[in-house]
Every structure is written in structure tokens, then in C-alpha cells.
C-alpha atoms as a PDB file:
ATOM      1  CA  MET A   1     -56.269   3.154 -48.371  1.00  0.00           C
ATOM      2  CA  GLN A   2     -52.198   3.942 -48.062  1.00  0.00           C
ATOM      3  CA  ARG A   3     -50.092   5.388 -51.006  1.00  0.00           C
ATOM      4  CA  PHE A   4     -47.419   4.100 -52.954  1.00  0.00           C
ATOM      5  CA  ALA A   5     -44.336   5.466 -51.409  1.00  0.00           C
ATOM      6  CA  LYS A   6     -41.405   6.890 -54.959  1.00  0.00           C
ATOM      7  CA  THR A   7     -38.494   5.493 -55.199  1.00  0.00           C
ATOM      8  CA  MET A   8     -35.608   6.016 -57.233  1.00  0.00           C
ATOM      9  CA  LYS A   9     -33.390   3.264 -58.659  1.00  0.00           C
ATOM     10  CA  ARG A  10     -30.019   3.619 -57.999  1.00  0.00           C
ATOM     11  CA  ASP A  11     -27.146   3.185 -60.308  1.00  0.00           C
ATOM     12  CA  VAL A  12     -25.311   0.217 -59.203  1.00  0.00           C
ATOM     13  CA  THR A  13     -21.780   1.433 -61.342  1.00  0.00           C
ATOM     14  CA  THR A  14     -21.563   4.604 -59.899  1.00  0.00           C
ATOM     15  CA  ILE A  15     -18.865   4.850 -57.392  1.00  0.00           C
ATOM     16  CA  ASN A  16     -18.018   7.643 -55.290  1.00  0.00           C
ATOM     17  CA  PRO A  17     -14.148   7.945 -55.339  1.00  0.00           C
ATOM     18  CA  GLN A  18     -13.541   8.754 -52.754  1.00  0.00           C
ATOM     19  CA  ASN A  19     -14.490   6.102 -50.569  1.00  0.00           C
ATOM     20  CA  LEU A  20     -13.330   3.798 -53.348  1.00  0.00           C
ATOM     21  CA  ILE A  21      -9.723   5.349 -52.274  1.00  0.00           C
ATOM     22  CA  ARG A  22     -10.656   5.512 -48.201  1.00  0.00           C
ATOM     23  CA  VAL A  23     -11.775   1.706 -48.759  1.00  0.00           C
ATOM     24  CA  LEU A  24      -7.934   0.942 -51.088  1.00  0.00           C
ATOM     25  CA  ASN A  25      -5.995   2.713 -48.768  1.00  0.00           C
ATOM     26  CA  GLU A  26      -7.390   0.520 -45.442  1.00  0.00           C
ATOM     27  CA  GLY A  27      -6.969  -2.549 -47.563  1.00  0.00           C
ATOM     28  CA  SER A  28      -3.446  -1.637 -48.353  1.00  0.00           C
ATOM     29  CA  THR A  29      -2.874  -0.745 -44.603  1.00  0.00           C
ATOM     30  CA  GLN A  30      -4.346  -3.890 -43.851  1.00  0.00           C
ATOM     31  CA  LEU A  31      -2.362  -6.038 -46.205  1.00  0.00           C
ATOM     32  CA  THR A  32       1.104  -3.722 -45.475  1.00  0.00           C
ATOM     33  CA  ASP A  33       0.498  -4.783 -41.066  1.00  0.00           C
ATOM     34  CA  SER A  34      -0.352  -8.314 -42.267  1.00  0.00           C
ATOM     35  CA  GLY A  35       3.295  -8.968 -44.262  1.00  0.00           C
ATOM     36  CA  GLU A  36       1.409  -9.063 -47.774  1.00  0.00           C
ATOM     37  CA  LYS A  37       3.533  -5.743 -49.007  1.00  0.00           C
ATOM     38  CA  ALA A  38       3.194  -7.431 -53.017  1.00  0.00           C
ATOM     39  CA  ALA A  39      -0.871  -7.831 -53.145  1.00  0.00           C
ATOM     40  CA  ALA A  40      -0.819  -3.649 -50.817  1.00  0.00           C
ATOM     41  CA  PHE A  41       1.537  -2.507 -53.881  1.00  0.00           C
ATOM     42  CA  PHE A  42      -2.004  -2.967 -55.899  1.00  0.00           C
ATOM     43  CA  PHE A  43      -4.507  -1.726 -53.758  1.00  0.00           C
ATOM     44  CA  ASP A  44      -2.716   1.519 -53.756  1.00  0.00           C
ATOM     45  CA  GLN A  45      -1.464   0.874 -58.000  1.00  0.00           C
ATOM     46  CA  ILE A  46      -5.688   1.710 -58.044  1.00  0.00           C
ATOM     47  CA  VAL A  47      -5.735   4.270 -55.756  1.00  0.00           C
ATOM     48  CA  GLU A  48      -2.682   6.459 -58.524  1.00  0.00           C
ATOM     49  CA  TRP A  49      -4.965   5.446 -61.569  1.00  0.00           C
ATOM     50  CA  ILE A  50      -7.979   7.177 -59.609  1.00  0.00           C
ATOM     51  CA  ARG A  51      -6.438  10.446 -58.353  1.00  0.00           C
ATOM     52  CA  SER A  52      -4.605  10.826 -62.012  1.00  0.00           C
ATOM     53  CA  GLY A  53      -7.832  11.443 -63.374  1.00  0.00           C
ATOM     54  CA  LYS A  54      -8.095   8.302 -65.208  1.00  0.00           C
ATOM     55  CA  PRO A  55     -11.981   6.128 -65.757  1.00  0.00           C
ATOM     56  CA  LEU A  56     -12.339   2.521 -63.285  1.00  0.00           C
ATOM     57  CA  SER A  57     -13.040  -0.003 -66.470  1.00  0.00           C
ATOM     58  CA  SER A  58     -12.884  -3.634 -66.758  1.00  0.00           C
ATOM     59  CA  GLU A  59     -11.536  -4.799 -69.931  1.00  0.00           C
ATOM     60  CA  GLN A  60      -8.500  -6.251 -69.690  1.00  0.00           C
ATOM     61  CA  LYS A  61      -5.988  -4.691 -71.222  1.00  0.00           C
ATOM     62  CA  THR A  62      -7.388  -1.332 -69.423  1.00  0.00           C
ATOM     63  CA  VAL A  63      -7.542  -3.290 -65.722  1.00  0.00           C
ATOM     64  CA  SER A  64      -3.304  -3.775 -66.568  1.00  0.00           C
ATOM     65  CA  LYS A  65      -2.269  -0.790 -66.861  1.00  0.00           C
ATOM     66  CA  MET A  66      -3.914   0.401 -63.554  1.00  0.00           C
ATOM     67  CA  LEU A  67      -2.171  -2.620 -61.907  1.00  0.00           C
ATOM     68  CA  GLY A  68       1.292  -1.517 -63.297  1.00  0.00           C
ATOM     69  CA  LEU A  69       1.944  -5.487 -65.324  1.00  0.00           C
END
């Protein structure tokens, strides 16, 4: 009889900031290369927000500040 494997539940809300910054920078680069400089600007805004140490939030007011709106 085989025993059950030990599993750990992973918190889905935990995001590695370094990986997120890398993805956002790549997205910004690809958008810029395809002529979408306005959209790339918002990716860069999020990167600056994360690098400044401010927390990510899904609240409308915080997201507006994060995007510079």
C-alpha cells in the first residue's frame, strides 16, 4: 500500500517581486517595439511603484495612483 504524498498549499496571492518586474519590463519592451508606447508607459509605472517599495493593491484608488492617473 502506497502512502499519501505530503503536499503544501501555496498562497496564490504571493508574488515574487523580482519575477513580476522582469515580466513587466519584458512586456514594456515588446509593447515599445510594436509601437505601443502609451501602453508600455503603464507597465513602467507599475515597475516604478514596486521598486519604490509600495504595496500592490487591487483597490481602485491605489491602482489609479499606481498607474499615474
